[in-house]
C-alpha cells in the first residue's frame, strides 16, 4: 500500500479535511492534495502532515501500512473484537468460526448468559 493511499483512507475514516490538516500542519492545502493524489512531496512536508495527526489517526495510518505488508501493529488501545472480525477475509472468518466451534465442542455449553460484543 502506498503511503498516500493509507493517508487518504485515514483522512476519510476520521472525517478530516485538507483545510483543517493544512492549518494544523502549517502547510498548504495544495501540498495535502498532492500527497493524497500520490504525487511526490518533500520530507519536511510529510513530517509536518504526520505530526498534525492525532494519536488515533496516526495509529490507524500506521496500521494500514503495516497490515498491507503482513505485520500487525499493537497499539496501546487495542481494537474491539467487532473491529477485528470486520477486517477478516473469508478464509480467516472460516478459520475463526472453526476455532470457536471447536472451543465450544470441547468445553460444552456456556454456564453464563452470552456477552454483547461492542
PDB file of N, CA and C in Angstrom:
ATOM      1  N   UNK A   1       0.851  -1.179   0.000  1.00  0.00           N
ATOM      2  CA  UNK A   1       0.000   0.000   0.000  1.00  0.00           C
ATOM      3  C   UNK A   1       0.890   1.234   0.000  1.00  0.00           C
ATOM      4  N   UNK A   2       0.539   2.158  -0.861  1.00  0.00           N
ATOM      5  CA  UNK A   2       1.282   3.410  -0.893  1.00  0.00           C
ATOM      6  C   UNK A   2       0.916   4.254   0.331  1.00  0.00           C
ATOM      7  N   UNK A   3       1.867   5.018   0.792  1.00  0.00           N
ATOM      8  CA  UNK A   3       1.649   5.894   1.940  1.00  0.00           C
ATOM      9  C   UNK A   3       0.511   6.877   1.657  1.00  0.00           C
ATOM     10  N   UNK A   4       0.454   7.373   0.428  1.00  0.00           N
ATOM     11  CA  UNK A   4      -0.610   8.327   0.084  1.00  0.00           C
ATOM     12  C   UNK A   4      -1.995   7.678   0.172  1.00  0.00           C
ATOM     13  N   UNK A   5      -2.105   6.406  -0.194  1.00  0.00           N
ATOM     14  CA  UNK A   5      -3.384   5.688  -0.093  1.00  0.00           C
ATOM     15  C   UNK A   5      -3.768   5.494   1.370  1.00  0.00           C
ATOM     16  N   UNK A   6      -2.797   5.103   2.196  1.00  0.00           N
ATOM     17  CA  UNK A   6      -3.061   4.941   3.630  1.00  0.00           C
ATOM     18  C   UNK A   6      -3.491   6.277   4.240  1.00  0.00           C
ATOM     19  N   UNK A   7      -2.854   7.354   3.809  1.00  0.00           N
ATOM     20  CA  UNK A   7      -3.202   8.683   4.307  1.00  0.00           C
ATOM     21  C   UNK A   7      -4.624   9.053   3.883  1.00  0.00           C
ATOM     22  N   UNK A   8      -4.951   8.816   2.624  1.00  0.00           N
ATOM     23  CA  UNK A   8      -6.292   9.127   2.122  1.00  0.00           C
ATOM     24  C   UNK A   8      -7.351   8.322   2.869  1.00  0.00           C
ATOM     25  N   UNK A   9      -7.079   7.041   3.114  1.00  0.00           N
ATOM     26  CA  UNK A   9      -8.008   6.210   3.889  1.00  0.00           C
ATOM     27  C   UNK A   9      -8.185   6.761   5.306  1.00  0.00           C
ATOM     28  N   UNK A  10      -7.091   7.215   5.900  1.00  0.00           N
ATOM     29  CA  UNK A  10      -7.126   7.773   7.255  1.00  0.00           C
ATOM     30  C   UNK A  10      -7.947   9.057   7.284  1.00  0.00           C
ATOM     31  N   UNK A  11      -7.707   9.927   6.315  1.00  0.00           N
ATOM     32  CA  UNK A  11      -8.444  11.190   6.223  1.00  0.00           C
ATOM     33  C   UNK A  11      -9.943  10.908   6.105  1.00  0.00           C
ATOM     34  N   UNK A  12     -10.296   9.931   5.289  1.00  0.00           N
ATOM     35  CA  UNK A  12     -11.713   9.584   5.111  1.00  0.00           C
ATOM     36  C   UNK A  12     -12.313   9.002   6.384  1.00  0.00           C
ATOM     37  N   UNK A  13     -11.600   8.067   7.005  1.00  0.00           N
ATOM     38  CA  UNK A  13     -12.121   7.404   8.207  1.00  0.00           C
ATOM     39  C   UNK A  13     -12.375   8.397   9.337  1.00  0.00           C
ATOM     40  N   UNK A  14     -11.500   9.381   9.479  1.00  0.00           N
ATOM     41  CA  UNK A  14     -11.610  10.325  10.590  1.00  0.00           C
ATOM     42  C   UNK A  14     -12.261  11.649  10.182  1.00  0.00           C
ATOM     43  N   UNK A  15     -12.865  11.679   8.996  1.00  0.00           N
ATOM     44  CA  UNK A  15     -13.573  12.871   8.503  1.00  0.00           C
ATOM     45  C   UNK A  15     -12.721  14.134   8.588  1.00  0.00           C
ATOM     46  N   UNK A  16     -11.471  14.022   8.171  1.00  0.00           N
ATOM     47  CA  UNK A  16     -10.574  15.175   8.171  1.00  0.00           C
ATOM     48  C   UNK A  16     -10.686  15.891   6.829  1.00  0.00           C
ATOM     49  N   UNK A  17     -10.414  17.187   6.838  1.00  0.00           N
ATOM     50  CA  UNK A  17     -10.427  17.947   5.584  1.00  0.00           C
ATOM     51  C   UNK A  17      -9.031  18.469   5.300  1.00  0.00           C
ATOM     52  N   UNK A  18      -8.782  18.731   4.024  1.00  0.00           N
ATOM     53  CA  UNK A  18      -7.492  19.276   3.625  1.00  0.00           C
ATOM     54  C   UNK A  18      -7.208  20.612   4.278  1.00  0.00           C
ATOM     55  N   UNK A  19      -8.229  21.437   4.413  1.00  0.00           N
ATOM     56  CA  UNK A  19      -8.055  22.763   5.014  1.00  0.00           C
ATOM     57  C   UNK A  19      -7.645  22.638   6.483  1.00  0.00           C
ATOM     58  N   UNK A  20      -8.334  21.774   7.221  1.00  0.00           N
ATOM     59  CA  UNK A  20      -8.018  21.584   8.640  1.00  0.00           C
ATOM     60  C   UNK A  20      -6.618  21.001   8.798  1.00  0.00           C
ATOM     61  N   UNK A  21      -6.300  19.983   7.996  1.00  0.00           N
ATOM     62  CA  UNK A  21      -4.971  19.370   8.071  1.00  0.00           C
ATOM     63  C   UNK A  21      -3.875  20.367   7.707  1.00  0.00           C
ATOM     64  N   UNK A  22      -4.110  21.134   6.655  1.00  0.00           N
ATOM     65  CA  UNK A  22      -3.114  22.117   6.231  1.00  0.00           C
ATOM     66  C   UNK A  22      -2.858  23.138   7.336  1.00  0.00           C
ATOM     67  N   UNK A  23      -3.927  23.589   7.979  1.00  0.00           N
ATOM     68  CA  UNK A  23      -3.768  24.537   9.079  1.00  0.00           C
ATOM     69  C   UNK A  23      -3.015  23.945  10.250  1.00  0.00           C
ATOM     70  N   UNK A  24      -3.357  22.718  10.623  1.00  0.00           N
ATOM     71  CA  UNK A  24      -2.702  22.058  11.757  1.00  0.00           C
ATOM     72  C   UNK A  24      -1.240  21.750  11.459  1.00  0.00           C
ATOM     73  N   UNK A  25      -0.945  21.433  10.199  1.00  0.00           N
ATOM     74  CA  UNK A  25       0.419  21.055   9.826  1.00  0.00           C
ATOM     75  C   UNK A  25       1.250  22.251   9.381  1.00  0.00           C
ATOM     76  N   UNK A  26       0.613  23.400   9.218  1.00  0.00           N
ATOM     77  CA  UNK A  26       1.286  24.599   8.715  1.00  0.00           C
ATOM     78  C   UNK A  26       1.893  24.342   7.333  1.00  0.00           C
ATOM     79  N   UNK A  27       1.065  23.730   6.474  1.00  0.00           N
ATOM     80  CA  UNK A  27       1.447  23.501   5.081  1.00  0.00           C
ATOM     81  C   UNK A  27       0.295  23.987   4.204  1.00  0.00           C
ATOM     82  N   UNK A  28       0.523  24.040   2.910  1.00  0.00           N
ATOM     83  CA  UNK A  28      -0.532  24.497   2.005  1.00  0.00           C
ATOM     84  C   UNK A  28      -1.545  23.379   1.747  1.00  0.00           C
ATOM     85  N   UNK A  29      -2.749  23.794   1.405  1.00  0.00           N
ATOM     86  CA  UNK A  29      -3.790  22.834   1.054  1.00  0.00           C
ATOM     87  C   UNK A  29      -3.364  22.056  -0.190  1.00  0.00           C
ATOM     88  N   UNK A  30      -2.658  22.728  -1.098  1.00  0.00           N
ATOM     89  CA  UNK A  30      -2.214  22.039  -2.315  1.00  0.00           C
ATOM     90  C   UNK A  30      -1.214  20.929  -1.995  1.00  0.00           C
ATOM     91  N   UNK A  31      -0.410  21.099  -0.943  1.00  0.00           N
ATOM     92  CA  UNK A  31       0.517  20.034  -0.540  1.00  0.00           C
ATOM     93  C   UNK A  31      -0.274  18.814  -0.063  1.00  0.00           C
ATOM     94  N   UNK A  32      -1.314  19.052   0.727  1.00  0.00           N
ATOM     95  CA  UNK A  32      -2.171  17.956   1.187  1.00  0.00           C
ATOM     96  C   UNK A  32      -2.794  17.260  -0.025  1.00  0.00           C
ATOM     97  N   UNK A  33      -3.289  18.031  -0.974  1.00  0.00           N
ATOM     98  CA  UNK A  33      -3.912  17.467  -2.176  1.00  0.00           C
ATOM     99  C   UNK A  33      -2.916  16.664  -3.000  1.00  0.00           C
ATOM    100  N   UNK A  34      -1.711  17.193  -3.155  1.00  0.00           N
ATOM    101  CA  UNK A  34      -0.680  16.460  -3.906  1.00  0.00           C
ATOM    102  C   UNK A  34      -0.375  15.131  -3.235  1.00  0.00           C
ATOM    103  N   UNK A  35      -0.235  15.158  -1.910  1.00  0.00           N
ATOM    104  CA  UNK A  35       0.080  13.934  -1.178  1.00  0.00           C
ATOM    105  C   UNK A  35      -1.058  12.920  -1.307  1.00  0.00           C
ATOM    106  N   UNK A  36      -2.280  13.376  -1.134  1.00  0.00           N
ATOM    107  CA  UNK A  36      -3.439  12.476  -1.265  1.00  0.00           C
ATOM    108  C   UNK A  36      -3.546  11.904  -2.672  1.00  0.00           C
ATOM    109  N   UNK A  37      -3.101  12.673  -3.648  1.00  0.00           N
ATOM    110  CA  UNK A  37      -3.146  12.224  -5.038  1.00  0.00           C
ATOM    111  C   UNK A  37      -1.981  11.339  -5.441  1.00  0.00           C
ATOM    112  N   UNK A  38      -1.086  11.053  -4.503  1.00  0.00           N
ATOM    113  CA  UNK A  38       0.036  10.172  -4.801  1.00  0.00           C
ATOM    114  C   UNK A  38       1.218  10.855  -5.453  1.00  0.00           C
ATOM    115  N   UNK A  39       1.204  12.179  -5.486  1.00  0.00           N
ATOM    116  CA  UNK A  39       2.316  12.928  -6.069  1.00  0.00           C
ATOM    117  C   UNK A  39       3.438  13.054  -5.036  1.00  0.00           C
ATOM    118  N   UNK A  40       4.682  13.175  -5.500  1.00  0.00           N
ATOM    119  CA  UNK A  40       5.795  13.300  -4.550  1.00  0.00           C
ATOM    120  C   UNK A  40       5.736  14.618  -3.764  1.00  0.00           C
ATOM    121  N   UNK A  41       6.084  14.542  -2.499  1.00  0.00           N
ATOM    122  CA  UNK A  41       6.225  15.745  -1.669  1.00  0.00           C
ATOM    123  C   UNK A  41       7.540  15.636  -0.911  1.00  0.00           C
ATOM    124  N   UNK A  42       7.996  16.756  -0.393  1.00  0.00           N
ATOM    125  CA  UNK A  42       9.268  16.767   0.335  1.00  0.00           C
ATOM    126  C   UNK A  42       9.097  16.164   1.724  1.00  0.00           C
ATOM    127  N   UNK A  43      10.196  15.666   2.250  1.00  0.00           N
ATOM    128  CA  UNK A  43      10.186  15.012   3.555  1.00  0.00           C
ATOM    129  C   UNK A  43       9.710  15.941   4.660  1.00  0.00           C
ATOM    130  N   UNK A  44      10.134  17.203   4.641  1.00  0.00           N
ATOM    131  CA  UNK A  44       9.718  18.115   5.713  1.00  0.00           C
ATOM    132  C   UNK A  44       8.205  18.332   5.696  1.00  0.00           C
ATOM    133  N   UNK A  45       7.601  18.369   4.509  1.00  0.00           N
ATOM    134  CA  UNK A  45       6.147  18.487   4.415  1.00  0.00           C
ATOM    135  C   UNK A  45       5.453  17.241   4.943  1.00  0.00           C
ATOM    136  N   UNK A  46       5.995  16.079   4.601  1.00  0.00           N
ATOM    137  CA  UNK A  46       5.440  14.820   5.095  1.00  0.00           C
ATOM    138  C   UNK A  46       5.499  14.766   6.617  1.00  0.00           C
ATOM    139  N   UNK A  47       6.636  15.159   7.177  1.00  0.00           N
ATOM    140  CA  UNK A  47       6.773  15.153   8.643  1.00  0.00           C
ATOM    141  C   UNK A  47       5.740  16.058   9.297  1.00  0.00           C
ATOM    142  N   UNK A  48       5.534  17.229   8.741  1.00  0.00           N
ATOM    143  CA  UNK A  48       4.546  18.154   9.308  1.00  0.00           C
ATOM    144  C   UNK A  48       3.137  17.561   9.244  1.00  0.00           C
ATOM    145  N   UNK A  49       2.826  16.938   8.121  1.00  0.00           N
ATOM    146  CA  UNK A  49       1.496  16.332   7.968  1.00  0.00           C
ATOM    147  C   UNK A  49       1.296  15.224   8.993  1.00  0.00           C
ATOM    148  N   UNK A  50       2.276  14.332   9.108  1.00  0.00           N
ATOM    149  CA  UNK A  50       2.156  13.214  10.045  1.00  0.00           C
ATOM    150  C   UNK A  50       2.080  13.696  11.491  1.00  0.00           C
ATOM    151  N   UNK A  51       2.853  14.730  11.829  1.00  0.00           N
ATOM    152  CA  UNK A  51       2.826  15.269  13.194  1.00  0.00           C
ATOM    153  C   UNK A  51       1.494  15.936  13.518  1.00  0.00           C
ATOM    154  N   UNK A  52       0.775  16.383  12.501  1.00  0.00           N
ATOM    155  CA  UNK A  52      -0.501  17.063  12.753  1.00  0.00           C
ATOM    156  C   UNK A  52      -1.642  16.086  13.058  1.00  0.00           C
ATOM    157  N   UNK A  53      -1.454  14.806  12.743  1.00  0.00           N
ATOM    158  CA  UNK A  53      -2.498  13.812  13.015  1.00  0.00           C
ATOM    159  C   UNK A  53      -2.571  13.516  14.507  1.00  0.00           C
ATOM    160  N   UNK A  54      -3.779  13.352  15.031  1.00  0.00           N
ATOM    161  CA  UNK A  54      -3.892  12.949  16.433  1.00  0.00           C
ATOM    162  C   UNK A  54      -3.474  11.483  16.558  1.00  0.00           C
ATOM    163  N   UNK A  55      -3.349  11.014  17.786  1.00  0.00           N
ATOM    164  CA  UNK A  55      -2.821   9.669  18.022  1.00  0.00           C
ATOM    165  C   UNK A  55      -3.661   8.584  17.357  1.00  0.00           C
ATOM    166  N   UNK A  56      -4.974   8.730  17.409  1.00  0.00           N
ATOM    167  CA  UNK A  56      -5.845   7.714  16.805  1.00  0.00           C
ATOM    168  C   UNK A  56      -5.659   7.650  15.296  1.00  0.00           C
ATOM    169  N   UNK A  57      -5.654   8.802  14.656  1.00  0.00           N
ATOM    170  CA  UNK A  57      -5.495   8.841  13.203  1.00  0.00           C
ATOM    171  C   UNK A  57      -4.102   8.356  12.794  1.00  0.00           C
ATOM    172  N   UNK A  58      -3.081   8.774  13.527  1.00  0.00           N
ATOM    173  CA  UNK A  58      -1.714   8.342  13.218  1.00  0.00           C
ATOM    174  C   UNK A  58      -1.584   6.831  13.389  1.00  0.00           C
ATOM    175  N   UNK A  59      -2.161   6.302  14.467  1.00  0.00           N
ATOM    176  CA  UNK A  59      -2.131   4.859  14.692  1.00  0.00           C
ATOM    177  C   UNK A  59      -2.832   4.107  13.577  1.00  0.00           C
ATOM    178  N   UNK A  60      -3.964   4.625  13.130  1.00  0.00           N
ATOM    179  CA  UNK A  60      -4.703   3.992  12.033  1.00  0.00           C
ATOM    180  C   UNK A  60      -3.865   3.991  10.759  1.00  0.00           C
ATOM    181  N   UNK A  61      -3.215   5.110  10.474  1.00  0.00           N
ATOM    182  CA  UNK A  61      -2.346   5.210   9.299  1.00  0.00           C
ATOM    183  C   UNK A  61      -1.249   4.152   9.350  1.00  0.00           C
ATOM    184  N   UNK A  62      -0.601   4.031  10.499  1.00  0.00           N
ATOM    185  CA  UNK A  62       0.461   3.033  10.647  1.00  0.00           C
ATOM    186  C   UNK A  62      -0.077   1.615  10.503  1.00  0.00           C
ATOM    187  N   UNK A  63      -1.255   1.366  11.052  1.00  0.00           N
ATOM    188  CA  UNK A  63      -1.875   0.040  10.913  1.00  0.00           C
ATOM    189  C   UNK A  63      -2.116  -0.303   9.450  1.00  0.00           C
ATOM    190  N   UNK A  64      -2.590   0.671   8.676  1.00  0.00           N
ATOM    191  CA  UNK A  64      -2.855   0.429   7.259  1.00  0.00           C
ATOM    192  C   UNK A  64      -1.579   0.036   6.519  1.00  0.00           C
ATOM    193  N   UNK A  65      -0.516   0.749   6.796  1.00  0.00           N
ATOM    194  CA  UNK A  65       0.757   0.473   6.123  1.00  0.00           C
ATOM    195  C   UNK A  65       1.302  -0.879   6.564  1.00  0.00           C
ATOM    196  N   UNK A  66       1.325  -1.120   7.865  1.00  0.00           N
ATOM    197  CA  UNK A  66       1.886  -2.367   8.391  1.00  0.00           C
ATOM    198  C   UNK A  66       1.075  -3.575   7.935  1.00  0.00           C
ATOM    199  N   UNK A  67      -0.245  -3.484   8.003  1.00  0.00           N
ATOM    200  CA  UNK A  67      -1.067  -4.644   7.643  1.00  0.00           C
ATOM    201  C   UNK A  67      -0.948  -4.977   6.161  1.00  0.00           C
ATOM    202  N   UNK A  68      -0.684  -3.990   5.329  1.00  0.00           N
ATOM    203  CA  UNK A  68      -0.524  -4.264   3.899  1.00  0.00           C
ATOM    204  C   UNK A  68       0.753  -5.055   3.619  1.00  0.00           C
ATOM    205  N   UNK A  69       1.671  -5.060   4.590  1.00  0.00           N
ATOM    206  CA  UNK A  69       2.919  -5.820   4.452  1.00  0.00           C
ATOM    207  C   UNK A  69       2.917  -7.073   5.313  1.00  0.00           C
ATOM    208  N   UNK A  70       1.759  -7.393   5.908  1.00  0.00           N
ATOM    209  CA  UNK A  70       1.642  -8.613   6.692  1.00  0.00           C
ATOM    210  C   UNK A  70       2.018  -8.474   8.154  1.00  0.00           C
ATOM    211  N   UNK A  71       2.218  -7.255   8.614  1.00  0.00           N
ATOM    212  CA  UNK A  71       2.547  -7.021  10.017  1.00  0.00           C
ATOM    213  C   UNK A  71       1.287  -6.651  10.784  1.00  0.00           C
ATOM    214  N   UNK A  72       1.343  -6.838  12.087  1.00  0.00           N
ATOM    215  CA  UNK A  72       0.245  -6.428  12.956  1.00  0.00           C
ATOM    216  C   UNK A  72       0.803  -5.416  13.941  1.00  0.00           C
ATOM    217  N   UNK A  73       0.210  -4.246  13.973  1.00  0.00           N
ATOM    218  CA  UNK A  73       0.633  -3.190  14.880  1.00  0.00           C
ATOM    219  C   UNK A  73      -0.161  -3.319  16.166  1.00  0.00           C
ATOM    220  N   UNK A  74       0.520  -3.339  17.297  1.00  0.00           N
ATOM    221  CA  UNK A  74      -0.156  -3.404  18.583  1.00  0.00           C
ATOM    222  C   UNK A  74      -0.145  -1.998  19.169  1.00  0.00           C
ATOM    223  N   UNK A  75      -1.324  -1.396  19.242  1.00  0.00           N
ATOM    224  CA  UNK A  75      -1.457  -0.064  19.814  1.00  0.00           C
ATOM    225  C   UNK A  75      -1.817  -0.192  21.284  1.00  0.00           C
ATOM    226  N   UNK A  76      -1.634   0.872  22.035  1.00  0.00           N
ATOM    227  CA  UNK A  76      -1.983   0.834  23.447  1.00  0.00           C
ATOM    228  C   UNK A  76      -3.473   0.591  23.637  1.00  0.00           C
ATOM    229  N   UNK A  77      -4.275   1.086  22.733  1.00  0.00           N
ATOM    230  CA  UNK A  77      -5.724   0.881  22.792  1.00  0.00           C
ATOM    231  C   UNK A  77      -6.079  -0.158  21.730  1.00  0.00           C
ATOM    232  N   UNK A  78      -6.225  -1.409  22.142  1.00  0.00           N
ATOM    233  CA  UNK A  78      -6.467  -2.458  21.151  1.00  0.00           C
ATOM    234  C   UNK A  78      -7.837  -2.311  20.493  1.00  0.00           C
ATOM    235  N   UNK A  79      -7.958  -2.806  19.260  1.00  0.00           N
ATOM    236  CA  UNK A  79      -9.259  -2.739  18.597  1.00  0.00           C
ATOM    237  C   UNK A  79     -10.261  -3.656  19.292  1.00  0.00           C
ATOM    238  N   UNK A  80     -11.526  -3.361  19.117  1.00  0.00           N
ATOM    239  CA  UNK A  80     -12.566  -4.216  19.691  1.00  0.00           C
ATOM    240  C   UNK A  80     -12.633  -5.519  18.896  1.00  0.00           C
ATOM    241  N   UNK A  81     -13.246  -6.514  19.473  1.00  0.00           N
ATOM    242  CA  UNK A  81     -13.408  -7.791  18.777  1.00  0.00           C
ATOM    243  C   UNK A  81     -14.189  -7.570  17.481  1.00  0.00           C
ATOM    244  N   UNK A  82     -15.204  -6.740  17.541  1.00  0.00           N
ATOM    245  CA  UNK A  82     -16.006  -6.466  16.340  1.00  0.00           C
ATOM    246  C   UNK A  82     -15.155  -5.865  15.230  1.00  0.00           C
ATOM    247  N   UNK A  83     -14.260  -4.945  15.581  1.00  0.00           N
ATOM    248  CA  UNK A  83     -13.382  -4.344  14.576  1.00  0.00           C
ATOM    249  C   UNK A  83     -12.452  -5.388  13.970  1.00  0.00           C
ATOM    250  N   UNK A  84     -11.923  -6.264  14.812  1.00  0.00           N
ATOM    251  CA  UNK A  84     -11.042  -7.316  14.306  1.00  0.00           C
ATOM    252  C   UNK A  84     -11.789  -8.243  13.352  1.00  0.00           C
ATOM    253  N   UNK A  85     -13.002  -8.619  13.729  1.00  0.00           N
ATOM    254  CA  UNK A  85     -13.786  -9.534  12.901  1.00  0.00           C
ATOM    255  C   UNK A  85     -14.128  -8.883  11.560  1.00  0.00           C
ATOM    256  N   UNK A  86     -14.435  -7.596  11.570  1.00  0.00           N
ATOM    257  CA  UNK A  86     -14.779  -6.895  10.329  1.00  0.00           C
ATOM    258  C   UNK A  86     -13.627  -6.905   9.333  1.00  0.00           C
ATOM    259  N   UNK A  87     -12.393  -6.960   9.826  1.00  0.00           N
ATOM    260  CA  UNK A  87     -11.218  -6.922   8.954  1.00  0.00           C
ATOM    261  C   UNK A  87     -10.808  -8.293   8.422  1.00  0.00           C
ATOM    262  N   UNK A  88     -11.493  -9.356   8.836  1.00  0.00           N
ATOM    263  CA  UNK A  88     -11.127 -10.700   8.394  1.00  0.00           C
ATOM    264  C   UNK A  88     -11.567 -10.950   6.951  1.00  0.00           C
ATOM    265  N   UNK A  89     -10.713 -11.664   6.211  1.00  0.00           N
ATOM    266  CA  UNK A  89     -11.142 -12.093   4.877  1.00  0.00           C
ATOM    267  C   UNK A  89     -11.950 -13.387   5.040  1.00  0.00           C
ATOM    268  N   UNK A  90     -12.578 -13.890   3.987  1.00  0.00           N
ATOM    269  CA  UNK A  90     -13.427 -15.082   4.125  1.00  0.00           C
ATOM    270  C   UNK A  90     -12.707 -16.305   4.700  1.00  0.00           C
ATOM    271  N   UNK A  91     -11.465 -16.541   4.303  1.00  0.00           N
ATOM    272  CA  UNK A  91     -10.731 -17.691   4.843  1.00  0.00           C
ATOM    273  C   UNK A  91     -10.461 -17.527   6.336  1.00  0.00           C
ATOM    274  N   UNK A  92     -10.100 -16.311   6.742  1.00  0.00           N
ATOM    275  CA  UNK A  92      -9.850 -16.052   8.161  1.00  0.00           C
ATOM    276  C   UNK A  92     -11.144 -16.174   8.967  1.00  0.00           C
ATOM    277  N   UNK A  93     -12.253 -15.725   8.386  1.00  0.00           N
ATOM    278  CA  UNK A  93     -13.548 -15.847   9.057  1.00  0.00           C
ATOM    279  C   UNK A  93     -13.906 -17.312   9.268  1.00  0.00           C
ATOM    280  N   UNK A  94     -13.690 -18.126   8.239  1.00  0.00           N
ATOM    281  CA  UNK A  94     -13.970 -19.558   8.354  1.00  0.00           C
ATOM    282  C   UNK A  94     -13.085 -20.198   9.420  1.00  0.00           C
ATOM    283  N   UNK A  95     -11.806 -19.821   9.452  1.00  0.00           N
ATOM    284  CA  UNK A  95     -10.887 -20.379  10.451  1.00  0.00           C
ATOM    285  C   UNK A  95     -11.311 -19.978  11.860  1.00  0.00           C
ATOM    286  N   UNK A  96     -11.758 -18.727  12.026  1.00  0.00           N
ATOM    287  CA  UNK A  96     -12.223 -18.267  13.332  1.00  0.00           C
ATOM    288  C   UNK A  96     -13.465 -19.042  13.768  1.00  0.00           C
ATOM    289  N   UNK A  97     -14.415 -19.204  12.872  1.00  0.00           N
ATOM    290  CA  UNK A  97     -15.630 -19.954  13.208  1.00  0.00           C
ATOM    291  C   UNK A  97     -15.303 -21.400  13.572  1.00  0.00           C
ATOM    292  N   UNK A  98     -14.381 -22.007  12.846  1.00  0.00           N
ATOM    293  CA  UNK A  98     -13.976 -23.375  13.154  1.00  0.00           C
ATOM    294  C   UNK A  98     -13.353 -23.442  14.550  1.00  0.00           C
ATOM    295  N   UNK A  99     -12.453 -22.492  14.854  1.00  0.00           N
ATOM    296  CA  UNK A  99     -11.791 -22.478  16.164  1.00  0.00           C
ATOM    297  C   UNK A  99     -12.804 -22.275  17.288  1.00  0.00           C
ATOM    298  N   UNK A 100     -13.775 -21.392  17.072  1.00  0.00           N
ATOM    299  CA  UNK A 100     -14.811 -21.165  18.086  1.00  0.00           C
ATOM    300  C   UNK A 100     -15.687 -22.402  18.268  1.00  0.00           C
ATOM    301  N   UNK A 101     -16.046 -23.051  17.170  1.00  0.00           N
ATOM    302  CA  UNK A 101     -16.855 -24.269  17.261  1.00  0.00           C
ATOM    303  C   UNK A 101     -16.108 -25.358  18.023  1.00  0.00           C
ATOM    304  N   UNK A 102     -14.816 -25.493  17.764  1.00  0.00           N
ATOM    305  CA  UNK A 102     -14.001 -26.479  18.478  1.00  0.00           C
ATOM    306  C   UNK A 102     -13.956 -26.173  19.973  1.00  0.00           C
ATOM    307  N   UNK A 103     -13.808 -24.902  20.306  1.00  0.00           N
ATOM    308  CA  UNK A 103     -13.755 -24.500  21.713  1.00  0.00           C
ATOM    309  C   UNK A 103     -15.069 -24.841  22.417  1.00  0.00           C
ATOM    310  N   UNK A 104     -16.189 -24.525  21.784  1.00  0.00           N
ATOM    311  CA  UNK A 104     -17.498 -24.829  22.371  1.00  0.00           C
ATOM    312  C   UNK A 104     -17.686 -26.339  22.487  1.00  0.00           C
ATOM    313  N   UNK A 105     -17.278 -27.073  21.462  1.00  0.00           N
ATOM    314  CA  UNK A 105     -17.414 -28.530  21.483  1.00  0.00           C
ATOM    315  C   UNK A 105     -16.618 -29.135  22.636  1.00  0.00           C
ATOM    316  N   UNK A 106     -15.403 -28.633  22.858  1.00  0.00           N
ATOM    317  CA  UNK A 106     -14.544 -29.177  23.910  1.00  0.00           C
ATOM    318  C   UNK A 106     -14.987 -28.758  25.302  1.00  0.00           C
ATOM    319  N   UNK A 107     -15.486 -27.537  25.438  1.00  0.00           N
ATOM    320  CA  UNK A 107     -15.830 -27.013  26.764  1.00  0.00           C
ATOM    321  C   UNK A 107     -17.295 -27.212  27.120  1.00  0.00           C
ATOM    322  N   UNK A 108     -18.123 -27.500  26.163  1.00  0.00           N
ATOM    323  CA  UNK A 108     -19.542 -27.670  26.442  1.00  0.00           C
ATOM    324  C   UNK A 108     -20.282 -26.348  26.421  1.00  0.00           C
ATOM    325  N   UNK A 109     -21.557 -26.435  26.754  1.00  0.00           N
ATOM    326  CA  UNK A 109     -22.431 -25.261  26.744  1.00  0.00           C
ATOM    327  C   UNK A 109     -21.991 -24.265  27.811  1.00  0.00           C
ATOM    328  N   UNK A 110     -21.947 -22.948  27.469  1.00  0.00           N
ATOM    329  CA  UNK A 110     -21.567 -21.944  28.470  1.00  0.00           C
ATOM    330  C   UNK A 110     -22.574 -21.894  29.616  1.00  0.00           C
ATOM    331  N   UNK A 111     -22.074 -21.624  30.825  1.00  0.00           N
ATOM    332  CA  UNK A 111     -22.925 -21.584  32.018  1.00  0.00           C
ATOM    333  C   UNK A 111     -23.527 -20.206  32.266  1.00  0.00           C
ATOM    334  N   UNK A 112     -23.004 -19.182  31.612  1.00  0.00           N
ATOM    335  CA  UNK A 112     -23.499 -17.821  31.823  1.00  0.00           C
ATOM    336  C   UNK A 112     -24.188 -17.317  30.557  1.00  0.00           C
ATOM    337  N   UNK A 113     -24.863 -16.177  30.706  1.00  0.00           N
ATOM    338  CA  UNK A 113     -25.526 -15.546  29.578  1.00  0.00           C
ATOM    339  C   UNK A 113     -24.472 -15.038  28.594  1.00  0.00           C
ATOM    340  N   UNK A 114     -24.776 -15.041  27.299  1.00  0.00           N
ATOM    341  CA  UNK A 114     -23.813 -14.521  26.324  1.00  0.00           C
ATOM    342  C   UNK A 114     -23.571 -13.031  26.541  1.00  0.00           C
ATOM    343  N   UNK A 115     -22.339 -12.613  26.291  1.00  0.00           N
ATOM    344  CA  UNK A 115     -21.977 -11.204  26.430  1.00  0.00           C
ATOM    345  C   UNK A 115     -22.158 -10.504  25.095  1.00  0.00           C
ATOM    346  N   UNK A 116     -22.613  -9.263  25.144  1.00  0.00           N
ATOM    347  CA  UNK A 116     -22.771  -8.468  23.939  1.00  0.00           C
ATOM    348  C   UNK A 116     -21.416  -7.862  23.612  1.00  0.00           C
ATOM    349  N   UNK A 117     -20.979  -8.046  22.370  1.00  0.00           N
ATOM    350  CA  UNK A 117     -19.698  -7.500  21.936  1.00  0.00           C
ATOM    351  C   UNK A 117     -19.896  -6.099  21.407  1.00  0.00           C
ATOM    352  N   UNK A 118     -18.941  -5.235  21.721  1.00  0.00           N
ATOM    353  CA  UNK A 118     -19.018  -3.851  21.246  1.00  0.00           C
ATOM    354  C   UNK A 118     -18.722  -3.760  19.778  1.00  0.00           C
TER     355      UNK A 118
END
